Amino acid sequence: MDDQLKSDFPIDWERDATVSRREFFKFMTAASGGLVLGSVGLAVWATARRPRTGFAAKKIVHVESIGPGTSIGFAYPGERDLCLLIRHADGSFTAFTRRCTHLSCPVDYEPDRDRLYCPCHNGAFSARDGRVLQGPPPQALLRVLIEERDGAIWAVGLDERKSDG
């Protein structure tokens, strides 16, 4: 029977360069471990606290340039740090970082619902204080501290306080 099998399936084992199951699973285990470590490293890097003090003030917009119930995007404190300035229907202003705290998707202002919405995973934040209203975000948006100076809105820092969001 063994000779019959060998004649039906002739394999030259000396020339066969296939990977054994054991070698395959060793490779897959190492690759999976590398992916896990890489993902954890990226998560730590993305959430690492940067110093949030000592940022220079930056002019965002003139007050009359932004109407009630609208928003404007700006970069603060660095050119790659996306933020959103909101002028509410009552004329007050708030500003937040624009990255969702779930997976860093950009949030958009929805004036009819007075919220910041993340379309990636249906997350929503209060446009007044940045707290989580719905979805998977684990924490509130980081507030950008603003001041009105000489008819203009200026970003002056980032608020480190944690909200109950």
N, C-alpha and C. Protein backbone atom coordinates (compact mmCIF):
# COMPACT_ATOMS: atom_id res chain seq x y z
N MET A 1 0.82 -1.18 0.00
CA MET A 1 0.00 0.00 0.00
C MET A 1 0.87 1.25 0.00
N ASP A 2 1.96 1.19 0.77
CA ASP A 2 2.84 2.34 0.85
C ASP A 2 3.50 2.62 -0.50
N ASP A 3 3.86 1.55 -1.21
CA ASP A 3 4.45 1.71 -2.54
C ASP A 3 3.44 2.29 -3.51
N GLN A 4 2.17 1.90 -3.37
CA GLN A 4 1.11 2.41 -4.23
C GLN A 4 0.97 3.92 -4.04
N LEU A 5 1.01 4.39 -2.79
CA LEU A 5 0.89 5.81 -2.49
C LEU A 5 2.06 6.59 -3.09
N LYS A 6 3.25 6.04 -2.95
CA LYS A 6 4.43 6.71 -3.48
C LYS A 6 4.38 6.80 -5.00
N SER A 7 3.83 5.79 -5.63
CA SER A 7 3.75 5.85 -7.09
C SER A 7 2.64 6.80 -7.55
N ASP A 8 1.56 6.92 -6.74
CA ASP A 8 0.47 7.84 -7.10
C ASP A 8 0.85 9.30 -6.82
N PHE A 9 1.63 9.51 -5.80
CA PHE A 9 2.03 10.86 -5.40
C PHE A 9 3.55 10.93 -5.28
N PRO A 10 4.23 10.96 -6.42
CA PRO A 10 5.70 10.96 -6.36
C PRO A 10 6.23 12.33 -5.89
N ILE A 11 6.88 12.32 -4.76
CA ILE A 11 7.46 13.55 -4.21
C ILE A 11 8.93 13.28 -3.95
N ASP A 12 9.73 14.12 -4.47
CA ASP A 12 11.16 14.04 -4.21
C ASP A 12 11.45 14.87 -2.96
N TRP A 13 11.47 14.23 -1.81
CA TRP A 13 11.59 14.93 -0.53
C TRP A 13 12.91 15.69 -0.43
N GLU A 14 13.92 15.25 -1.10
CA GLU A 14 15.20 15.94 -1.05
C GLU A 14 15.10 17.30 -1.75
N ARG A 15 14.29 17.39 -2.78
CA ARG A 15 14.17 18.63 -3.55
C ARG A 15 13.01 19.49 -3.06
N ASP A 16 12.19 18.95 -2.20
CA ASP A 16 11.01 19.68 -1.74
C ASP A 16 11.44 20.81 -0.81
N ALA A 17 11.05 22.01 -1.14
CA ALA A 17 11.45 23.19 -0.36
C ALA A 17 10.27 23.79 0.39
N THR A 18 9.27 23.02 0.68
CA THR A 18 8.12 23.54 1.39
C THR A 18 8.46 23.77 2.86
N VAL A 19 7.65 24.55 3.49
CA VAL A 19 7.83 24.88 4.90
C VAL A 19 7.01 23.89 5.72
N SER A 20 7.58 23.40 6.78
CA SER A 20 6.85 22.47 7.64
C SER A 20 5.79 23.24 8.43
N ARG A 21 4.83 22.51 8.96
CA ARG A 21 3.79 23.15 9.78
C ARG A 21 4.40 23.86 10.97
N ARG A 22 5.35 23.24 11.59
CA ARG A 22 6.00 23.83 12.76
C ARG A 22 6.68 25.15 12.39
N GLU A 23 7.41 25.15 11.27
CA GLU A 23 8.07 26.38 10.83
C GLU A 23 7.05 27.46 10.48
N PHE A 24 5.96 27.07 9.83
CA PHE A 24 4.91 28.01 9.46
C PHE A 24 4.30 28.65 10.71
N PHE A 25 3.97 27.84 11.71
CA PHE A 25 3.36 28.37 12.92
C PHE A 25 4.34 29.22 13.74
N LYS A 26 5.61 28.88 13.71
CA LYS A 26 6.60 29.72 14.37
C LYS A 26 6.64 31.10 13.71
N PHE A 27 6.65 31.10 12.39
CA PHE A 27 6.66 32.37 11.65
C PHE A 27 5.40 33.18 11.94
N MET A 28 4.24 32.54 11.90
CA MET A 28 2.98 33.24 12.13
C MET A 28 2.90 33.79 13.56
N THR A 29 3.41 33.04 14.51
CA THR A 29 3.42 33.51 15.90
C THR A 29 4.32 34.74 16.03
N ALA A 30 5.50 34.68 15.42
CA ALA A 30 6.42 35.82 15.48
C ALA A 30 5.83 37.04 14.76
N ALA A 31 5.21 36.82 13.60
CA ALA A 31 4.60 37.94 12.86
C ALA A 31 3.44 38.55 13.64
N SER A 32 2.61 37.71 14.24
CA SER A 32 1.48 38.21 15.04
C SER A 32 1.99 39.00 16.25
N GLY A 33 3.01 38.47 16.90
CA GLY A 33 3.58 39.18 18.03
C GLY A 33 4.15 40.53 17.62
N GLY A 34 4.79 40.57 16.46
CA GLY A 34 5.33 41.83 15.95
C GLY A 34 4.22 42.84 15.67
N LEU A 35 3.12 42.37 15.09
CA LEU A 35 1.99 43.26 14.83
C LEU A 35 1.38 43.79 16.11
N VAL A 36 1.24 42.92 17.11
CA VAL A 36 0.69 43.35 18.40
C VAL A 36 1.61 44.40 19.03
N LEU A 37 2.90 44.13 19.07
CA LEU A 37 3.83 45.09 19.66
C LEU A 37 3.83 46.41 18.90
N GLY A 38 3.77 46.34 17.57
CA GLY A 38 3.70 47.56 16.77
C GLY A 38 2.44 48.36 17.04
N SER A 39 1.30 47.68 17.16
CA SER A 39 0.05 48.36 17.45
C SER A 39 0.07 49.00 18.83
N VAL A 40 0.57 48.29 19.80
CA VAL A 40 0.67 48.85 21.16
C VAL A 40 1.62 50.05 21.15
N GLY A 41 2.72 49.92 20.46
CA GLY A 41 3.67 51.04 20.37
C GLY A 41 3.05 52.27 19.74
N LEU A 42 2.29 52.09 18.66
CA LEU A 42 1.62 53.22 18.02
C LEU A 42 0.56 53.83 18.93
N ALA A 43 -0.18 52.99 19.65
CA ALA A 43 -1.20 53.51 20.57
C ALA A 43 -0.56 54.33 21.67
N VAL A 44 0.54 53.85 22.22
CA VAL A 44 1.24 54.60 23.27
C VAL A 44 1.78 55.91 22.71
N TRP A 45 2.37 55.86 21.54
CA TRP A 45 2.90 57.07 20.91
C TRP A 45 1.80 58.08 20.64
N ALA A 46 0.63 57.63 20.16
CA ALA A 46 -0.46 58.53 19.82
C ALA A 46 -1.09 59.18 21.05
N THR A 47 -1.08 58.47 22.17
CA THR A 47 -1.72 59.01 23.36
C THR A 47 -0.73 59.59 24.36
N ALA A 48 0.54 59.56 24.02
CA ALA A 48 1.53 60.11 24.95
C ALA A 48 1.25 61.58 25.18
N ARG A 49 1.31 61.97 26.41
CA ARG A 49 1.01 63.36 26.76
C ARG A 49 2.17 64.26 26.33
N ARG A 50 1.82 65.23 25.55
CA ARG A 50 2.79 66.25 25.19
C ARG A 50 2.65 67.39 26.19
N PRO A 51 3.68 68.14 26.41
CA PRO A 51 3.51 69.30 27.28
C PRO A 51 2.48 70.23 26.65
N ARG A 52 1.51 70.67 27.45
CA ARG A 52 0.42 71.48 26.93
C ARG A 52 0.51 72.93 27.40
N THR A 53 1.64 73.30 27.91
CA THR A 53 1.80 74.66 28.38
C THR A 53 2.91 75.33 27.59
N GLY A 54 2.93 76.64 27.65
CA GLY A 54 3.99 77.38 27.01
C GLY A 54 3.81 77.57 25.51
N PHE A 55 2.59 77.35 25.00
CA PHE A 55 2.36 77.58 23.58
C PHE A 55 2.16 79.06 23.33
N ALA A 56 2.66 79.52 22.21
CA ALA A 56 2.49 80.92 21.84
C ALA A 56 1.04 81.15 21.43
N ALA A 57 0.54 82.34 21.71
CA ALA A 57 -0.81 82.70 21.29
C ALA A 57 -0.84 82.80 19.77
N LYS A 58 -1.98 82.41 19.19
CA LYS A 58 -2.12 82.44 17.73
C LYS A 58 -3.48 83.03 17.37
N LYS A 59 -3.47 84.00 16.50
CA LYS A 59 -4.71 84.62 16.05
C LYS A 59 -5.45 83.64 15.13
N ILE A 60 -6.73 83.42 15.41
CA ILE A 60 -7.53 82.49 14.62
C ILE A 60 -8.33 83.24 13.56
N VAL A 61 -9.15 84.21 14.00
CA VAL A 61 -10.05 84.88 13.07
C VAL A 61 -10.59 86.16 13.73
N HIS A 62 -11.01 87.13 12.92
CA HIS A 62 -11.72 88.30 13.44
C HIS A 62 -13.13 87.88 13.81
N VAL A 63 -13.65 88.42 14.89
CA VAL A 63 -14.96 88.05 15.40
C VAL A 63 -16.04 88.20 14.33
N GLU A 64 -16.01 89.31 13.58
CA GLU A 64 -17.06 89.54 12.58
C GLU A 64 -16.94 88.64 11.35
N SER A 65 -15.85 87.91 11.23
CA SER A 65 -15.65 87.03 10.08
C SER A 65 -16.35 85.68 10.22
N ILE A 66 -16.84 85.37 11.40
CA ILE A 66 -17.49 84.08 11.63
C ILE A 66 -18.87 84.33 12.23
N GLY A 67 -19.89 83.89 11.51
CA GLY A 67 -21.26 84.12 11.94
C GLY A 67 -21.73 83.13 12.99
N PRO A 68 -22.79 83.49 13.71
CA PRO A 68 -23.37 82.58 14.70
C PRO A 68 -23.82 81.27 14.04
N GLY A 69 -23.60 80.16 14.73
CA GLY A 69 -23.99 78.85 14.21
C GLY A 69 -23.04 78.29 13.17
N THR A 70 -21.81 78.81 13.13
CA THR A 70 -20.82 78.32 12.16
C THR A 70 -19.53 77.94 12.89
N SER A 71 -18.63 77.36 12.13
CA SER A 71 -17.33 76.98 12.70
C SER A 71 -16.25 77.23 11.67
N ILE A 72 -15.02 77.24 12.15
CA ILE A 72 -13.87 77.42 11.27
C ILE A 72 -12.73 76.54 11.79
N GLY A 73 -12.05 75.89 10.87
CA GLY A 73 -10.92 75.06 11.24
C GLY A 73 -9.65 75.88 11.32
N PHE A 74 -8.74 75.48 12.21
CA PHE A 74 -7.45 76.13 12.33
C PHE A 74 -6.46 75.12 12.90
N ALA A 75 -5.20 75.47 12.84
CA ALA A 75 -4.14 74.60 13.36
C ALA A 75 -3.55 75.24 14.61
N TYR A 76 -3.48 74.45 15.70
CA TYR A 76 -2.90 74.96 16.95
C TYR A 76 -2.58 73.78 17.85
N PRO A 77 -1.48 73.72 18.51
CA PRO A 77 -0.40 74.69 18.53
C PRO A 77 0.56 74.55 17.35
N GLY A 78 0.58 73.35 16.73
CA GLY A 78 1.44 73.15 15.56
C GLY A 78 0.63 73.15 14.28
N GLU A 79 1.29 73.16 13.16
CA GLU A 79 0.61 73.20 11.87
C GLU A 79 -0.15 71.91 11.55
N ARG A 80 0.17 70.82 12.24
CA ARG A 80 -0.51 69.54 11.99
C ARG A 80 -1.56 69.23 13.04
N ASP A 81 -1.74 70.11 14.01
CA ASP A 81 -2.72 69.91 15.08
C ASP A 81 -4.03 70.57 14.70
N LEU A 82 -4.96 69.77 14.19
CA LEU A 82 -6.24 70.30 13.72
C LEU A 82 -7.15 70.68 14.87
N CYS A 83 -7.78 71.84 14.76
CA CYS A 83 -8.70 72.33 15.78
C CYS A 83 -9.92 72.95 15.09
N LEU A 84 -10.93 73.22 15.89
CA LEU A 84 -12.18 73.77 15.36
C LEU A 84 -12.68 74.86 16.31
N LEU A 85 -12.89 76.06 15.77
CA LEU A 85 -13.48 77.16 16.53
C LEU A 85 -14.96 77.21 16.18
N ILE A 86 -15.80 77.25 17.21
CA ILE A 86 -17.25 77.25 17.01
C ILE A 86 -17.82 78.55 17.55
N ARG A 87 -18.67 79.18 16.75
CA ARG A 87 -19.44 80.31 17.25
C ARG A 87 -20.87 79.82 17.37
N HIS A 88 -21.34 79.76 18.58
CA HIS A 88 -22.69 79.26 18.85
C HIS A 88 -23.74 80.29 18.46
N ALA A 89 -24.98 79.85 18.39
CA ALA A 89 -26.09 80.73 18.00
C ALA A 89 -26.21 81.94 18.92
N ASP A 90 -25.83 81.80 20.19
CA ASP A 90 -25.91 82.91 21.14
C ASP A 90 -24.71 83.86 21.03
N GLY A 91 -23.78 83.57 20.10
CA GLY A 91 -22.62 84.43 19.88
C GLY A 91 -21.39 84.05 20.66
N SER A 92 -21.49 83.08 21.58
CA SER A 92 -20.33 82.65 22.36
C SER A 92 -19.43 81.76 21.51
N PHE A 93 -18.19 81.63 21.94
CA PHE A 93 -17.20 80.84 21.22
C PHE A 93 -16.68 79.70 22.09
N THR A 94 -16.38 78.56 21.46
CA THR A 94 -15.63 77.49 22.07
C THR A 94 -14.70 76.92 21.00
N ALA A 95 -13.65 76.26 21.43
CA ALA A 95 -12.71 75.65 20.48
C ALA A 95 -12.20 74.34 21.07
N PHE A 96 -12.03 73.36 20.17
CA PHE A 96 -11.58 72.03 20.58
C PHE A 96 -10.61 71.49 19.55
N THR A 97 -9.80 70.51 20.00
CA THR A 97 -9.01 69.78 19.02
C THR A 97 -9.99 69.02 18.14
N ARG A 98 -9.61 68.79 16.92
CA ARG A 98 -10.55 68.22 15.95
C ARG A 98 -10.43 66.71 15.80
N ARG A 99 -9.57 66.09 16.55
CA ARG A 99 -9.38 64.64 16.44
C ARG A 99 -10.24 63.91 17.46
N CYS A 100 -11.05 62.99 16.96
CA CYS A 100 -11.88 62.17 17.83
C CYS A 100 -10.98 61.38 18.77
N THR A 101 -11.40 61.24 20.01
CA THR A 101 -10.58 60.53 20.99
C THR A 101 -10.67 59.02 20.84
N HIS A 102 -11.46 58.54 19.88
CA HIS A 102 -11.55 57.11 19.63
C HIS A 102 -10.40 56.65 18.74
N LEU A 103 -10.40 57.10 17.47
CA LEU A 103 -9.34 56.69 16.55
C LEU A 103 -8.78 57.86 15.74
N SER A 104 -8.93 59.07 16.25
CA SER A 104 -8.35 60.29 15.67
C SER A 104 -8.97 60.72 14.34
N CYS A 105 -10.17 60.28 14.02
CA CYS A 105 -10.85 60.79 12.83
C CYS A 105 -11.21 62.26 13.08
N PRO A 106 -11.29 63.07 12.03
CA PRO A 106 -11.67 64.48 12.24
C PRO A 106 -13.17 64.61 12.54
N VAL A 107 -13.49 65.45 13.49
CA VAL A 107 -14.89 65.71 13.85
C VAL A 107 -15.37 66.96 13.12
N ASP A 108 -16.67 67.03 12.89
CA ASP A 108 -17.29 68.18 12.21
C ASP A 108 -18.38 68.75 13.10
N TYR A 109 -18.59 70.05 12.97
CA TYR A 109 -19.61 70.73 13.76
C TYR A 109 -20.97 70.57 13.09
N GLU A 110 -21.97 70.19 13.88
CA GLU A 110 -23.36 70.10 13.43
C GLU A 110 -24.15 71.14 14.22
N PRO A 111 -24.35 72.34 13.65
CA PRO A 111 -25.00 73.42 14.40
C PRO A 111 -26.45 73.12 14.79
N ASP A 112 -27.17 72.37 13.95
CA ASP A 112 -28.57 72.06 14.27
C ASP A 112 -28.69 71.17 15.51
N ARG A 113 -27.65 70.42 15.84
CA ARG A 113 -27.67 69.55 17.02
C ARG A 113 -26.70 70.03 18.10
N ASP A 114 -26.00 71.14 17.81
CA ASP A 114 -25.02 71.72 18.73
C ASP A 114 -24.06 70.66 19.25
N ARG A 115 -23.45 69.95 18.31
CA ARG A 115 -22.52 68.89 18.68
C ARG A 115 -21.42 68.78 17.64
N LEU A 116 -20.36 68.09 18.03
CA LEU A 116 -19.27 67.73 17.12
C LEU A 116 -19.44 66.26 16.83
N TYR A 117 -19.47 65.92 15.55
CA TYR A 117 -19.80 64.56 15.13
C TYR A 117 -18.61 63.91 14.44
N CYS A 118 -18.35 62.66 14.80
CA CYS A 118 -17.30 61.86 14.15
C CYS A 118 -17.99 60.83 13.27
N PRO A 119 -17.90 60.96 11.95
CA PRO A 119 -18.59 60.03 11.06
C PRO A 119 -17.96 58.64 10.97
N CYS A 120 -16.74 58.48 11.44
CA CYS A 120 -16.07 57.18 11.33
C CYS A 120 -16.78 56.08 12.11
N HIS A 121 -17.15 56.37 13.34
CA HIS A 121 -17.77 55.35 14.18
C HIS A 121 -18.97 55.89 14.96
N ASN A 122 -19.60 56.92 14.41
CA ASN A 122 -20.83 57.48 14.98
C ASN A 122 -20.63 58.03 16.39
N GLY A 123 -19.52 58.69 16.61
CA GLY A 123 -19.26 59.33 17.90
C GLY A 123 -19.72 60.77 17.87
N ALA A 124 -20.10 61.30 19.03
CA ALA A 124 -20.54 62.69 19.11
C ALA A 124 -20.09 63.31 20.43
N PHE A 125 -19.78 64.60 20.37
CA PHE A 125 -19.30 65.36 21.51
C PHE A 125 -20.12 66.64 21.64
N SER A 126 -20.27 67.13 22.85
CA SER A 126 -20.94 68.40 23.09
C SER A 126 -20.11 69.53 22.50
N ALA A 127 -20.76 70.44 21.78
CA ALA A 127 -20.06 71.59 21.21
C ALA A 127 -19.82 72.66 22.27
N ARG A 128 -20.38 72.49 23.46
CA ARG A 128 -20.21 73.46 24.56
C ARG A 128 -19.01 73.11 25.45
N ASP A 129 -18.89 71.83 25.81
CA ASP A 129 -17.82 71.46 26.74
C ASP A 129 -16.96 70.28 26.25
N GLY A 130 -17.28 69.69 25.10
CA GLY A 130 -16.47 68.61 24.53
C GLY A 130 -16.72 67.24 25.10
N ARG A 131 -17.68 67.09 26.03
CA ARG A 131 -17.92 65.78 26.64
C ARG A 131 -18.53 64.82 25.62
N VAL A 132 -18.34 63.54 25.84
CA VAL A 132 -18.85 62.50 24.94
C VAL A 132 -20.37 62.42 25.10
N LEU A 133 -21.07 62.47 23.96
CA LEU A 133 -22.53 62.33 23.96
C LEU A 133 -22.97 60.94 23.51
N GLN A 134 -22.23 60.35 22.58
CA GLN A 134 -22.58 59.02 22.08
C GLN A 134 -21.39 58.37 21.41
N GLY A 135 -21.48 57.06 21.24
CA GLY A 135 -20.49 56.33 20.48
C GLY A 135 -19.33 55.82 21.31
N PRO A 136 -18.30 55.37 20.61
CA PRO A 136 -17.17 54.71 21.29
C PRO A 136 -16.08 55.62 21.85
N PRO A 137 -16.07 56.95 21.62
CA PRO A 137 -14.94 57.72 22.16
C PRO A 137 -14.80 57.55 23.67
N PRO A 138 -13.57 57.29 24.14
CA PRO A 138 -13.35 57.02 25.56
C PRO A 138 -13.29 58.26 26.44
N GLN A 139 -13.04 59.42 25.85
CA GLN A 139 -12.93 60.63 26.67
C GLN A 139 -13.32 61.85 25.86
N ALA A 140 -13.48 62.95 26.57
CA ALA A 140 -13.90 64.21 25.95
C ALA A 140 -12.81 64.75 25.03
N LEU A 141 -13.22 65.66 24.14
CA LEU A 141 -12.26 66.35 23.30
C LEU A 141 -11.44 67.32 24.15
N LEU A 142 -10.22 67.56 23.74
CA LEU A 142 -9.35 68.50 24.43
C LEU A 142 -9.76 69.91 24.03
N ARG A 143 -10.01 70.75 25.02
CA ARG A 143 -10.44 72.12 24.77
C ARG A 143 -9.24 73.01 24.46
N VAL A 144 -9.41 73.87 23.47
CA VAL A 144 -8.41 74.88 23.15
C VAL A 144 -8.83 76.15 23.89
N LEU A 145 -7.93 76.70 24.67
CA LEU A 145 -8.23 77.93 25.40
C LEU A 145 -8.18 79.11 24.44
N ILE A 146 -9.21 79.93 24.47
CA ILE A 146 -9.30 81.07 23.55
C ILE A 146 -9.55 82.35 24.33
N GLU A 147 -9.16 83.46 23.72
CA GLU A 147 -9.40 84.79 24.26
C GLU A 147 -9.81 85.72 23.12
N GLU A 148 -10.62 86.72 23.47
CA GLU A 148 -10.95 87.75 22.50
C GLU A 148 -10.07 88.95 22.77
N ARG A 149 -9.31 89.36 21.74
CA ARG A 149 -8.39 90.50 21.85
C ARG A 149 -8.58 91.40 20.64
N ASP A 150 -8.88 92.64 20.87
CA ASP A 150 -8.97 93.64 19.80
C ASP A 150 -9.84 93.16 18.64
N GLY A 151 -10.99 92.57 18.94
CA GLY A 151 -11.93 92.15 17.91
C GLY A 151 -11.56 90.85 17.21
N ALA A 152 -10.59 90.13 17.73
CA ALA A 152 -10.18 88.86 17.12
C ALA A 152 -10.18 87.76 18.18
N ILE A 153 -10.32 86.52 17.73
CA ILE A 153 -10.24 85.35 18.61
C ILE A 153 -8.84 84.78 18.50
N TRP A 154 -8.22 84.54 19.65
CA TRP A 154 -6.86 84.01 19.73
C TRP A 154 -6.86 82.69 20.48
N ALA A 155 -6.11 81.73 20.01
CA ALA A 155 -5.85 80.49 20.75
C ALA A 155 -4.66 80.78 21.66
N VAL A 156 -4.81 80.43 22.96
CA VAL A 156 -3.76 80.78 23.92
C VAL A 156 -3.21 79.58 24.69
N GLY A 157 -3.77 78.38 24.46
CA GLY A 157 -3.27 77.21 25.17
C GLY A 157 -4.25 76.05 25.04
N LEU A 158 -3.89 74.94 25.66
CA LEU A 158 -4.74 73.76 25.69
C LEU A 158 -5.12 73.46 27.13
N ASP A 159 -6.38 73.12 27.36
CA ASP A 159 -6.88 72.84 28.71
C ASP A 159 -6.58 71.38 29.06
N GLU A 160 -5.79 71.17 30.11
CA GLU A 160 -5.41 69.82 30.53
C GLU A 160 -6.43 69.15 31.41
N ARG A 161 -7.39 69.91 31.92
CA ARG A 161 -8.36 69.31 32.85
C ARG A 161 -9.19 68.25 32.16
N LYS A 162 -9.41 67.16 32.86
CA LYS A 162 -10.24 66.07 32.35
C LYS A 162 -11.70 66.39 32.63
N SER A 163 -12.54 66.10 31.63
CA SER A 163 -13.97 66.27 31.86
C SER A 163 -14.54 64.93 32.28
N ASP A 164 -15.78 64.93 32.74
CA ASP A 164 -16.43 63.69 33.16
C ASP A 164 -16.95 62.90 31.99
N GLY A 165 -16.73 63.42 30.74
CA GLY A 165 -17.23 62.83 29.52
C GLY A 165 -16.97 61.40 29.42
